[in-house]
């Protein structure tokens, strides 16, 4: 859907900030000309679309970004994700099986839910059950964002979720990726751990954080992150029958902190890597002064936004 765009804004609607990249494409290769961010005011979860759009409106006004197509991430906190089993022998279509399951595990009317899904296990026979990963959101919430974009004179051509955007980024950072890779993204209040295999997200788990690592709350944040990763790895091995993950790629708030990498190594004996998202670009993929002016602790926060931009140049698109 997004292929063929010449210029676009890649917008990551993170819980703590709106992060935006102004991207153009040269023969299919993205060129990041500018990076912008704006803090999101605190408030209740049901007001998040309004708070996001207010912050985005500030960026659009200050930097004159109107009348451009955009791609955006749906906030992880407003998304439901479930691993489900599809049974081809049932009379219901896969979509109907998914909707029935969603009705039983979420609040609200499932008829207002919009969802996407993709296989995480392949069956050798068409009549055998197979597992899928489902991502769902309230249609009314998505429309609030789309209406808000339109009022800002932005044409949103694609919505995805941050873990899938990050998977597209990983495909550029690890073009020869074999096996599964763990990806971890952290903000001031929310994190998620995802298991990725060749641009396909097999599983992810969001979790709340009691405090920011970089803000001095590592004593409480690090054990929580470790516990959540343990749950994900247990699911990966027990349910998906996958093992062999040897490294984790971490992005976001506190990912560059030495206490974080030391904790992960000691607890899991896994190598933690914290590359800049912009390492995925060619040397001329952004202005040299912009690349050097972004400190690593800031650049890492643009991982999802850059992943969204990379999807437009051929990366996997799930949402």
C-alpha atoms as a PDB file:
ATOM      1  CA  UNK A   1       0.000   0.000   0.000  1.00  0.00           C
ATOM      2  CA  UNK A   2       2.759   2.416   0.878  1.00  0.00           C
ATOM      3  CA  UNK A   3       5.194   1.511  -1.874  1.00  0.00           C
ATOM      4  CA  UNK A   4       5.841   4.182  -4.432  1.00  0.00           C
ATOM      5  CA  UNK A   5       5.689   7.156  -2.082  1.00  0.00           C
ATOM      6  CA  UNK A   6       8.248   9.856  -2.856  1.00  0.00           C
ATOM      7  CA  UNK A   7       7.949  11.772   0.421  1.00  0.00           C
ATOM      8  CA  UNK A   8       6.321  10.839   3.688  1.00  0.00           C
ATOM      9  CA  UNK A   9       6.227  11.493   7.394  1.00  0.00           C
ATOM     10  CA  UNK A  10       6.878   8.470   9.605  1.00  0.00           C
ATOM     11  CA  UNK A  11       5.104   9.018  12.924  1.00  0.00           C
ATOM     12  CA  UNK A  12       5.648   6.940  16.032  1.00  0.00           C
ATOM     13  CA  UNK A  13       2.832   7.540  18.527  1.00  0.00           C
ATOM     14  CA  UNK A  14       4.729   6.472  21.614  1.00  0.00           C
ATOM     15  CA  UNK A  15       3.115   6.745  25.074  1.00  0.00           C
ATOM     16  CA  UNK A  16       5.463   9.505  26.220  1.00  0.00           C
ATOM     17  CA  UNK A  17       6.123  11.397  22.984  1.00  0.00           C
ATOM     18  CA  UNK A  18       5.316  11.788  19.314  1.00  0.00           C
ATOM     19  CA  UNK A  19       8.418  11.113  17.229  1.00  0.00           C
ATOM     20  CA  UNK A  20       8.455  12.019  13.574  1.00  0.00           C
ATOM     21  CA  UNK A  21      10.819  11.587  10.653  1.00  0.00           C
ATOM     22  CA  UNK A  22      10.594  13.581   7.427  1.00  0.00           C
ATOM     23  CA  UNK A  23      11.616  11.054   4.776  1.00  0.00           C
ATOM     24  CA  UNK A  24      12.080  11.159   1.030  1.00  0.00           C
ATOM     25  CA  UNK A  25      12.938   8.265  -1.254  1.00  0.00           C
ATOM     26  CA  UNK A  26      15.706   8.132  -3.798  1.00  0.00           C
ATOM     27  CA  UNK A  27      15.281   5.123  -6.056  1.00  0.00           C
ATOM     28  CA  UNK A  28      13.524   3.335  -3.231  1.00  0.00           C
ATOM     29  CA  UNK A  29      16.172   4.204  -0.637  1.00  0.00           C
ATOM     30  CA  UNK A  30      14.946   6.368   2.256  1.00  0.00           C
ATOM     31  CA  UNK A  31      16.637   9.662   3.047  1.00  0.00           C
ATOM     32  CA  UNK A  32      15.846  11.125   6.481  1.00  0.00           C
ATOM     33  CA  UNK A  33      16.057  14.893   6.195  1.00  0.00           C
ATOM     34  CA  UNK A  34      14.707  15.880   9.618  1.00  0.00           C
ATOM     35  CA  UNK A  35      13.766  14.413  12.990  1.00  0.00           C
ATOM     36  CA  UNK A  36      11.230  15.935  15.363  1.00  0.00           C
ATOM     37  CA  UNK A  37       9.704  15.046  18.694  1.00  0.00           C
ATOM     38  CA  UNK A  38       7.154  16.476  21.101  1.00  0.00           C
ATOM     39  CA  UNK A  39       6.254  15.387  24.595  1.00  0.00           C
ATOM     40  CA  UNK A  40       2.770  13.999  25.203  1.00  0.00           C
ATOM     41  CA  UNK A  41       0.853  15.407  28.155  1.00  0.00           C
ATOM     42  CA  UNK A  42      -0.009  12.923  30.899  1.00  0.00           C
ATOM     43  CA  UNK A  43      -3.578  11.704  31.222  1.00  0.00           C
ATOM     44  CA  UNK A  44      -5.950   8.761  31.159  1.00  0.00           C
ATOM     45  CA  UNK A  45      -5.538   6.076  28.497  1.00  0.00           C
ATOM     46  CA  UNK A  46      -8.855   6.922  26.835  1.00  0.00           C
ATOM     47  CA  UNK A  47      -7.595  10.456  26.158  1.00  0.00           C
ATOM     48  CA  UNK A  48      -4.375   9.266  24.507  1.00  0.00           C
ATOM     49  CA  UNK A  49      -5.545   9.937  20.916  1.00  0.00           C
ATOM     50  CA  UNK A  50      -6.395  13.540  21.798  1.00  0.00           C
ATOM     51  CA  UNK A  51      -3.071  14.050  23.591  1.00  0.00           C
ATOM     52  CA  UNK A  52      -1.136  12.478  20.722  1.00  0.00           C
ATOM     53  CA  UNK A  53      -2.898  14.648  18.151  1.00  0.00           C
ATOM     54  CA  UNK A  54      -2.266  17.784  20.203  1.00  0.00           C
ATOM     55  CA  UNK A  55       1.462  17.023  20.300  1.00  0.00           C
ATOM     56  CA  UNK A  56       1.481  16.154  16.601  1.00  0.00           C
ATOM     57  CA  UNK A  57      -0.374  19.375  15.836  1.00  0.00           C
ATOM     58  CA  UNK A  58       2.373  21.333  17.564  1.00  0.00           C
ATOM     59  CA  UNK A  59       5.022  19.676  15.385  1.00  0.00           C
ATOM     60  CA  UNK A  60       3.016  20.202  12.203  1.00  0.00           C
ATOM     61  CA  UNK A  61       2.483  23.874  12.990  1.00  0.00           C
ATOM     62  CA  UNK A  62       6.017  24.650  14.138  1.00  0.00           C
ATOM     63  CA  UNK A  63       7.712  22.896  11.217  1.00  0.00           C
ATOM     64  CA  UNK A  64       5.104  23.471   8.486  1.00  0.00           C
ATOM     65  CA  UNK A  65       4.584  19.801   7.748  1.00  0.00           C
ATOM     66  CA  UNK A  66       1.062  19.984   6.326  1.00  0.00           C
ATOM     67  CA  UNK A  67      -0.231  18.307   3.187  1.00  0.00           C
ATOM     68  CA  UNK A  68       2.032  15.296   3.305  1.00  0.00           C
ATOM     69  CA  UNK A  69       1.261  11.582   3.283  1.00  0.00           C
ATOM     70  CA  UNK A  70       2.192   9.787   6.467  1.00  0.00           C
ATOM     71  CA  UNK A  71       2.578   6.358   7.981  1.00  0.00           C
ATOM     72  CA  UNK A  72       2.010   5.889  11.696  1.00  0.00           C
ATOM     73  CA  UNK A  73       2.150   3.393  14.531  1.00  0.00           C
ATOM     74  CA  UNK A  74      -0.947   2.624  16.593  1.00  0.00           C
ATOM     75  CA  UNK A  75      -0.089   3.049  20.296  1.00  0.00           C
ATOM     76  CA  UNK A  76       0.779  -0.306  21.844  1.00  0.00           C
ATOM     77  CA  UNK A  77      -1.291   0.489  24.928  1.00  0.00           C
ATOM     78  CA  UNK A  78      -4.427   0.731  22.756  1.00  0.00           C
ATOM     79  CA  UNK A  79      -3.816  -2.553  20.947  1.00  0.00           C
ATOM     80  CA  UNK A  80      -4.805  -6.093  21.904  1.00  0.00           C
ATOM     81  CA  UNK A  81      -2.548  -8.902  20.744  1.00  0.00           C
ATOM     82  CA  UNK A  82      -3.343 -12.591  21.081  1.00  0.00           C
ATOM     83  CA  UNK A  83      -1.838 -15.855  19.893  1.00  0.00           C
ATOM     84  CA  UNK A  84      -4.658 -18.004  18.503  1.00  0.00           C
ATOM     85  CA  UNK A  85      -5.131 -21.358  16.840  1.00  0.00           C
ATOM     86  CA  UNK A  86      -7.061 -21.521  13.583  1.00  0.00           C
ATOM     87  CA  UNK A  87      -8.910 -24.755  12.818  1.00  0.00           C
ATOM     88  CA  UNK A  88      -9.681 -25.143   9.074  1.00  0.00           C
ATOM     89  CA  UNK A  89     -12.114 -27.957   9.892  1.00  0.00           C
ATOM     90  CA  UNK A  90     -14.505 -25.635  11.703  1.00  0.00           C
ATOM     91  CA  UNK A  91     -17.416 -24.192   9.717  1.00  0.00           C
ATOM     92  CA  UNK A  92     -16.432 -20.637  10.646  1.00  0.00           C
ATOM     93  CA  UNK A  93     -14.004 -18.693   8.513  1.00  0.00           C
ATOM     94  CA  UNK A  94     -10.673 -17.864  10.183  1.00  0.00           C
ATOM     95  CA  UNK A  95     -11.823 -14.252  10.574  1.00  0.00           C
ATOM     96  CA  UNK A  96     -14.981 -15.387  12.358  1.00  0.00           C
ATOM     97  CA  UNK A  97     -12.991 -17.676  14.663  1.00  0.00           C
ATOM     98  CA  UNK A  98     -10.739 -14.745  15.544  1.00  0.00           C
ATOM     99  CA  UNK A  99     -13.638 -12.381  16.162  1.00  0.00           C
ATOM    100  CA  UNK A 100     -15.323 -14.898  18.455  1.00  0.00           C
ATOM    101  CA  UNK A 101     -12.126 -15.304  20.468  1.00  0.00           C
ATOM    102  CA  UNK A 102     -11.659 -11.543  20.696  1.00  0.00           C
ATOM    103  CA  UNK A 103     -15.213 -11.177  21.977  1.00  0.00           C
ATOM    104  CA  UNK A 104     -14.344 -13.477  24.873  1.00  0.00           C
ATOM    105  CA  UNK A 105     -11.105 -11.750  25.890  1.00  0.00           C
ATOM    106  CA  UNK A 106     -11.681  -8.028  25.486  1.00  0.00           C
ATOM    107  CA  UNK A 107     -14.136  -5.470  26.767  1.00  0.00           C
ATOM    108  CA  UNK A 108     -16.377  -3.639  24.356  1.00  0.00           C
ATOM    109  CA  UNK A 109     -18.216  -4.685  21.232  1.00  0.00           C
ATOM    110  CA  UNK A 110     -16.161  -6.973  19.007  1.00  0.00           C
ATOM    111  CA  UNK A 111     -18.061  -5.613  16.014  1.00  0.00           C
ATOM    112  CA  UNK A 112     -16.138  -2.377  16.509  1.00  0.00           C
ATOM    113  CA  UNK A 113     -12.835  -4.234  16.487  1.00  0.00           C
ATOM    114  CA  UNK A 114     -10.569  -4.135  13.468  1.00  0.00           C
ATOM    115  CA  UNK A 115      -7.786  -6.666  13.316  1.00  0.00           C
ATOM    116  CA  UNK A 116      -5.015  -8.194  11.265  1.00  0.00           C
ATOM    117  CA  UNK A 117      -3.311 -11.561  11.670  1.00  0.00           C
ATOM    118  CA  UNK A 118      -0.481 -13.599  10.228  1.00  0.00           C
ATOM    119  CA  UNK A 119       0.797 -17.170  10.708  1.00  0.00           C
ATOM    120  CA  UNK A 120       3.472 -17.943  13.274  1.00  0.00           C
ATOM    121  CA  UNK A 121       3.509 -21.657  12.550  1.00  0.00           C
ATOM    122  CA  UNK A 122       3.065 -23.416   9.240  1.00  0.00           C
ATOM    123  CA  UNK A 123       1.056 -26.589   8.824  1.00  0.00           C
ATOM    124  CA  UNK A 124       2.206 -29.073   6.210  1.00  0.00           C
ATOM    125  CA  UNK A 125      -1.400 -30.071   5.574  1.00  0.00           C
ATOM    126  CA  UNK A 126      -4.222 -27.694   4.739  1.00  0.00           C
ATOM    127  CA  UNK A 127      -6.656 -29.414   7.098  1.00  0.00           C
ATOM    128  CA  UNK A 128      -4.440 -29.093  10.180  1.00  0.00           C
ATOM    129  CA  UNK A 129      -4.656 -26.376  12.796  1.00  0.00           C
ATOM    130  CA  UNK A 130      -2.099 -23.596  12.736  1.00  0.00           C
ATOM    131  CA  UNK A 131      -1.185 -20.724  15.033  1.00  0.00           C
ATOM    132  CA  UNK A 132      -1.582 -17.061  14.170  1.00  0.00           C
ATOM    133  CA  UNK A 133      -0.758 -13.801  15.898  1.00  0.00           C
ATOM    134  CA  UNK A 134      -3.694 -11.395  16.023  1.00  0.00           C
ATOM    135  CA  UNK A 135      -3.495  -7.633  16.476  1.00  0.00           C
ATOM    136  CA  UNK A 136      -6.746  -5.824  17.204  1.00  0.00           C
ATOM    137  CA  UNK A 137      -7.848  -2.296  18.021  1.00  0.00           C
ATOM    138  CA  UNK A 138     -11.130  -0.483  18.490  1.00  0.00           C
ATOM    139  CA  UNK A 139     -12.284   0.904  15.172  1.00  0.00           C
ATOM    140  CA  UNK A 140     -13.601   4.041  16.861  1.00  0.00           C
ATOM    141  CA  UNK A 141     -10.139   4.732  18.294  1.00  0.00           C
ATOM    142  CA  UNK A 142      -8.468   4.288  14.909  1.00  0.00           C
ATOM    143  CA  UNK A 143     -10.981   6.666  13.345  1.00  0.00           C
ATOM    144  CA  UNK A 144     -10.156   9.296  15.984  1.00  0.00           C
ATOM    145  CA  UNK A 145      -6.547   9.196  14.842  1.00  0.00           C
ATOM    146  CA  UNK A 146      -7.399   9.230  11.139  1.00  0.00           C
ATOM    147  CA  UNK A 147      -9.813  12.144  11.584  1.00  0.00           C
ATOM    148  CA  UNK A 148      -7.155  13.986  13.566  1.00  0.00           C
ATOM    149  CA  UNK A 149      -4.571  13.434  10.840  1.00  0.00           C
ATOM    150  CA  UNK A 150      -7.017  14.731   8.243  1.00  0.00           C
ATOM    151  CA  UNK A 151      -7.646  17.908  10.273  1.00  0.00           C
ATOM    152  CA  UNK A 152      -3.889  18.474  10.298  1.00  0.00           C
ATOM    153  CA  UNK A 153      -3.885  18.014   6.516  1.00  0.00           C
ATOM    154  CA  UNK A 154      -1.934  14.771   6.739  1.00  0.00           C
ATOM    155  CA  UNK A 155      -3.023  11.834   4.614  1.00  0.00           C
ATOM    156  CA  UNK A 156      -2.382   8.626   6.544  1.00  0.00           C
ATOM    157  CA  UNK A 157      -1.760   5.847   4.032  1.00  0.00           C
ATOM    158  CA  UNK A 158      -0.803   3.103   6.479  1.00  0.00           C
ATOM    159  CA  UNK A 159      -1.145   2.237  10.165  1.00  0.00           C
ATOM    160  CA  UNK A 160       0.922  -0.474  11.803  1.00  0.00           C
ATOM    161  CA  UNK A 161       2.010  -1.480  15.280  1.00  0.00           C
ATOM    162  CA  UNK A 162       5.420  -0.602  16.680  1.00  0.00           C
ATOM    163  CA  UNK A 163       6.711  -4.204  17.062  1.00  0.00           C
ATOM    164  CA  UNK A 164       6.124  -4.819  13.340  1.00  0.00           C
ATOM    165  CA  UNK A 165       7.807  -1.528  12.451  1.00  0.00           C
ATOM    166  CA  UNK A 166      10.740  -2.606  14.588  1.00  0.00           C
ATOM    167  CA  UNK A 167      10.852  -5.935  12.728  1.00  0.00           C
ATOM    168  CA  UNK A 168      11.274  -4.020   9.461  1.00  0.00           C
ATOM    169  CA  UNK A 169      14.125  -2.081  11.025  1.00  0.00           C
ATOM    170  CA  UNK A 170      15.792  -5.299  12.174  1.00  0.00           C
ATOM    171  CA  UNK A 171      15.681  -6.651   8.612  1.00  0.00           C
ATOM    172  CA  UNK A 172      17.904  -3.734   7.570  1.00  0.00           C
ATOM    173  CA  UNK A 173      20.192  -3.921  10.593  1.00  0.00           C
ATOM    174  CA  UNK A 174      20.534  -7.719  10.191  1.00  0.00           C
ATOM    175  CA  UNK A 175      20.119  -8.480   6.469  1.00  0.00           C
ATOM    176  CA  UNK A 176      21.563 -11.977   6.965  1.00  0.00           C
ATOM    177  CA  UNK A 177      19.450 -12.766  10.018  1.00  0.00           C
ATOM    178  CA  UNK A 178      19.104 -16.463  10.754  1.00  0.00           C
ATOM    179  CA  UNK A 179      16.844 -17.899  13.408  1.00  0.00           C
ATOM    180  CA  UNK A 180      14.926 -15.795  15.907  1.00  0.00           C
ATOM    181  CA  UNK A 181      15.921 -12.492  17.463  1.00  0.00           C
ATOM    182  CA  UNK A 182      14.591 -10.787  20.555  1.00  0.00           C
ATOM    183  CA  UNK A 183      13.739  -7.093  20.339  1.00  0.00           C
ATOM    184  CA  UNK A 184      13.055  -4.887  23.316  1.00  0.00           C
ATOM    185  CA  UNK A 185      11.629  -1.361  23.237  1.00  0.00           C
ATOM    186  CA  UNK A 186      11.373   0.842  26.316  1.00  0.00           C
ATOM    187  CA  UNK A 187       9.697   4.151  27.091  1.00  0.00           C
ATOM    188  CA  UNK A 188       9.328   5.968  30.387  1.00  0.00           C
ATOM    189  CA  UNK A 189       6.222   3.987  31.338  1.00  0.00           C
ATOM    190  CA  UNK A 190       5.697   1.076  28.922  1.00  0.00           C
ATOM    191  CA  UNK A 191       7.893  -1.516  27.263  1.00  0.00           C
ATOM    192  CA  UNK A 192       7.440  -4.537  25.045  1.00  0.00           C
ATOM    193  CA  UNK A 193       9.475  -7.570  24.168  1.00  0.00           C
ATOM    194  CA  UNK A 194       9.027  -9.214  20.773  1.00  0.00           C
ATOM    195  CA  UNK A 195      10.317 -12.325  19.071  1.00  0.00           C
ATOM    196  CA  UNK A 196      11.120 -11.741  15.394  1.00  0.00           C
ATOM    197  CA  UNK A 197      12.045 -14.134  12.606  1.00  0.00           C
ATOM    198  CA  UNK A 198      12.847 -12.729   9.161  1.00  0.00           C
ATOM    199  CA  UNK A 199      10.629  -9.622   9.487  1.00  0.00           C
ATOM    200  CA  UNK A 200       7.784 -11.691  10.942  1.00  0.00           C
ATOM    201  CA  UNK A 201       6.757 -10.979  14.518  1.00  0.00           C
ATOM    202  CA  UNK A 202       6.045 -14.326  16.152  1.00  0.00           C
ATOM    203  CA  UNK A 203       5.030 -13.015  19.542  1.00  0.00           C
ATOM    204  CA  UNK A 204       5.152  -9.882  21.639  1.00  0.00           C
ATOM    205  CA  UNK A 205       4.222  -8.905  25.138  1.00  0.00           C
ATOM    206  CA  UNK A 206       3.698  -5.314  26.362  1.00  0.00           C
ATOM    207  CA  UNK A 207       4.266  -4.413  30.005  1.00  0.00           C
ATOM    208  CA  UNK A 208       4.121  -1.385  32.257  1.00  0.00           C
ATOM    209  CA  UNK A 209       7.258  -0.076  33.928  1.00  0.00           C
ATOM    210  CA  UNK A 210       7.371   1.193  37.512  1.00  0.00           C
ATOM    211  CA  UNK A 211      10.028   3.762  36.675  1.00  0.00           C
ATOM    212  CA  UNK A 212      12.469   4.935  34.040  1.00  0.00           C
ATOM    213  CA  UNK A 213      15.857   3.205  33.964  1.00  0.00           C
ATOM    214  CA  UNK A 214      17.556   6.420  32.937  1.00  0.00           C
ATOM    215  CA  UNK A 215      15.590   8.270  35.617  1.00  0.00           C
ATOM    216  CA  UNK A 216      17.241   6.391  38.449  1.00  0.00           C
ATOM    217  CA  UNK A 217      14.673   3.639  39.046  1.00  0.00           C
ATOM    218  CA  UNK A 218      16.725   0.740  37.730  1.00  0.00           C
ATOM    219  CA  UNK A 219      16.246  -1.183  40.985  1.00  0.00           C
ATOM    220  CA  UNK A 220      12.556  -1.574  40.209  1.00  0.00           C
ATOM    221  CA  UNK A 221      12.533  -1.402  36.391  1.00  0.00           C
ATOM    222  CA  UNK A 222      15.224  -3.971  35.594  1.00  0.00           C
ATOM    223  CA  UNK A 223      13.719  -6.925  37.516  1.00  0.00           C
ATOM    224  CA  UNK A 224      10.353  -6.177  35.927  1.00  0.00           C
ATOM    225  CA  UNK A 225      11.852  -6.148  32.450  1.00  0.00           C
ATOM    226  CA  UNK A 226      13.706  -9.372  33.213  1.00  0.00           C
ATOM    227  CA  UNK A 227      10.537 -11.072  34.460  1.00  0.00           C
ATOM    228  CA  UNK A 228       8.626 -10.086  31.334  1.00  0.00           C
ATOM    229  CA  UNK A 229      11.361 -11.359  29.052  1.00  0.00           C
ATOM    230  CA  UNK A 230      11.356 -14.649  30.998  1.00  0.00           C
ATOM    231  CA  UNK A 231       7.627 -15.025  30.333  1.00  0.00           C
ATOM    232  CA  UNK A 232       8.141 -14.360  26.643  1.00  0.00           C
ATOM    233  CA  UNK A 233      11.001 -16.824  26.332  1.00  0.00           C
ATOM    234  CA  UNK A 234       8.969 -19.477  28.172  1.00  0.00           C
ATOM    235  CA  UNK A 235       6.113 -18.982  25.738  1.00  0.00           C
ATOM    236  CA  UNK A 236       8.468 -19.049  22.787  1.00  0.00           C
ATOM    237  CA  UNK A 237       9.971 -22.371  23.817  1.00  0.00           C
ATOM    238  CA  UNK A 238       6.845 -23.982  25.235  1.00  0.00           C
ATOM    239  CA  UNK A 239       4.169 -22.887  22.766  1.00  0.00           C
ATOM    240  CA  UNK A 240       6.042 -21.995  19.592  1.00  0.00           C
ATOM    241  CA  UNK A 241       8.671 -24.719  20.060  1.00  0.00           C
ATOM    242  CA  UNK A 242      11.448 -22.301  19.219  1.00  0.00           C
ATOM    243  CA  UNK A 243      14.777 -21.884  20.881  1.00  0.00           C
ATOM    244  CA  UNK A 244      18.260 -20.734  20.007  1.00  0.00           C
ATOM    245  CA  UNK A 245      17.865 -17.016  20.674  1.00  0.00           C
ATOM    246  CA  UNK A 246      21.332 -15.750  21.569  1.00  0.00           C
ATOM    247  CA  UNK A 247      20.974 -11.964  21.510  1.00  0.00           C
ATOM    248  CA  UNK A 248      18.545  -9.163  22.215  1.00  0.00           C
ATOM    249  CA  UNK A 249      18.400  -5.853  20.382  1.00  0.00           C
ATOM    250  CA  UNK A 250      17.217  -3.075  22.672  1.00  0.00           C
ATOM    251  CA  UNK A 251      15.968   0.403  21.841  1.00  0.00           C
ATOM    252  CA  UNK A 252      14.485   3.315  23.698  1.00  0.00           C
ATOM    253  CA  UNK A 253      14.620   4.832  27.151  1.00  0.00           C
ATOM    254  CA  UNK A 254      17.567   3.511  29.155  1.00  0.00           C
ATOM    255  CA  UNK A 255      18.649   0.953  26.548  1.00  0.00           C
ATOM    256  CA  UNK A 256      22.099   2.560  26.389  1.00  0.00           C
ATOM    257  CA  UNK A 257      22.549   2.387  30.174  1.00  0.00           C
ATOM    258  CA  UNK A 258      25.419   0.165  31.324  1.00  0.00           C
ATOM    259  CA  UNK A 259      23.395  -1.137  34.275  1.00  0.00           C
ATOM    260  CA  UNK A 260      20.772  -2.406  31.849  1.00  0.00           C
ATOM    261  CA  UNK A 261      23.156  -4.330  29.589  1.00  0.00           C
ATOM    262  CA  UNK A 262      25.016  -5.766  32.596  1.00  0.00           C
ATOM    263  CA  UNK A 263      21.766  -6.937  34.194  1.00  0.00           C
ATOM    264  CA  UNK A 264      20.561  -8.625  30.994  1.00  0.00           C
ATOM    265  CA  UNK A 265      23.878 -10.394  30.497  1.00  0.00           C
ATOM    266  CA  UNK A 266      24.010 -11.640  34.084  1.00  0.00           C
ATOM    267  CA  UNK A 267      20.406 -12.821  34.190  1.00  0.00           C
ATOM    268  CA  UNK A 268      20.002 -14.402  30.763  1.00  0.00           C
ATOM    269  CA  UNK A 269      23.542 -14.844  29.470  1.00  0.00           C
ATOM    270  CA  UNK A 270      22.333 -13.144  26.315  1.00  0.00           C
ATOM    271  CA  UNK A 271      24.264 -10.521  24.450  1.00  0.00           C
ATOM    272  CA  UNK A 272      22.442  -7.196  24.416  1.00  0.00           C
ATOM    273  CA  UNK A 273      23.051  -4.952  21.419  1.00  0.00           C
ATOM    274  CA  UNK A 274      21.929  -1.334  21.272  1.00  0.00           C
ATOM    275  CA  UNK A 275      22.637  -0.016  17.763  1.00  0.00           C
ATOM    276  CA  UNK A 276      21.426   3.325  16.520  1.00  0.00           C
ATOM    277  CA  UNK A 277      18.356   2.823  14.306  1.00  0.00           C
ATOM    278  CA  UNK A 278      20.051   5.085  11.766  1.00  0.00           C
ATOM    279  CA  UNK A 279      22.820   2.505  11.315  1.00  0.00           C
ATOM    280  CA  UNK A 280      20.324   0.824   8.974  1.00  0.00           C
ATOM    281  CA  UNK A 281      20.652   3.708   6.515  1.00  0.00           C
ATOM    282  CA  UNK A 282      23.432   4.064   3.956  1.00  0.00           C
ATOM    283  CA  UNK A 283      26.125   6.624   4.740  1.00  0.00           C
ATOM    284  CA  UNK A 284      24.276   9.217   2.665  1.00  0.00           C
ATOM    285  CA  UNK A 285      20.861   8.273   4.107  1.00  0.00           C
ATOM    286  CA  UNK A 286      20.688  11.416   6.237  1.00  0.00           C
ATOM    287  CA  UNK A 287      22.645  14.674   6.490  1.00  0.00           C
ATOM    288  CA  UNK A 288      26.012  14.139   8.141  1.00  0.00           C
ATOM    289  CA  UNK A 289      25.467  16.953  10.635  1.00  0.00           C
ATOM    290  CA  UNK A 290      22.109  15.491  11.650  1.00  0.00           C
ATOM    291  CA  UNK A 291      23.564  12.017  12.151  1.00  0.00           C
ATOM    292  CA  UNK A 292      26.406  13.314  14.318  1.00  0.00           C
ATOM    293  CA  UNK A 293      24.206  15.710  16.298  1.00  0.00           C
ATOM    294  CA  UNK A 294      21.903  12.955  17.551  1.00  0.00           C
ATOM    295  CA  UNK A 295      23.350  11.429  20.731  1.00  0.00           C
ATOM    296  CA  UNK A 296      22.832   7.648  20.999  1.00  0.00           C
ATOM    297  CA  UNK A 297      20.411   8.028  23.921  1.00  0.00           C
ATOM    298  CA  UNK A 298      18.160  10.155  21.682  1.00  0.00           C
ATOM    299  CA  UNK A 299      18.641   8.379  18.353  1.00  0.00           C
ATOM    300  CA  UNK A 300      17.519   5.042  19.834  1.00  0.00           C
ATOM    301  CA  UNK A 301      14.029   6.474  20.452  1.00  0.00           C
ATOM    302  CA  UNK A 302      13.380   6.728  16.695  1.00  0.00           C
ATOM    303  CA  UNK A 303      13.552   2.976  16.059  1.00  0.00           C
ATOM    304  CA  UNK A 304       9.823   2.469  15.410  1.00  0.00           C
ATOM    305  CA  UNK A 305       9.516   5.616  13.297  1.00  0.00           C
ATOM    306  CA  UNK A 306      12.413   4.561  11.082  1.00  0.00           C
ATOM    307  CA  UNK A 307      10.984   1.054  10.811  1.00  0.00           C
ATOM    308  CA  UNK A 308       7.745   2.549   9.518  1.00  0.00           C
ATOM    309  CA  UNK A 309       9.681   4.493   6.910  1.00  0.00           C
ATOM    310  CA  UNK A 310      11.597   1.389   5.834  1.00  0.00           C
ATOM    311  CA  UNK A 311       8.335  -0.456   5.261  1.00  0.00           C
ATOM    312  CA  UNK A 312       7.570   1.961   2.454  1.00  0.00           C
ATOM    313  CA  UNK A 313      10.729   0.869   0.649  1.00  0.00           C
ATOM    314  CA  UNK A 314       9.881  -2.825   0.662  1.00  0.00           C
ATOM    315  CA  UNK A 315       9.791  -3.904   4.305  1.00  0.00           C
ATOM    316  CA  UNK A 316       7.165  -6.309   5.588  1.00  0.00           C
ATOM    317  CA  UNK A 317       3.835  -4.657   6.358  1.00  0.00           C
ATOM    318  CA  UNK A 318       1.449  -6.344   8.783  1.00  0.00           C
ATOM    319  CA  UNK A 319      -1.037  -3.722   9.934  1.00  0.00           C
END
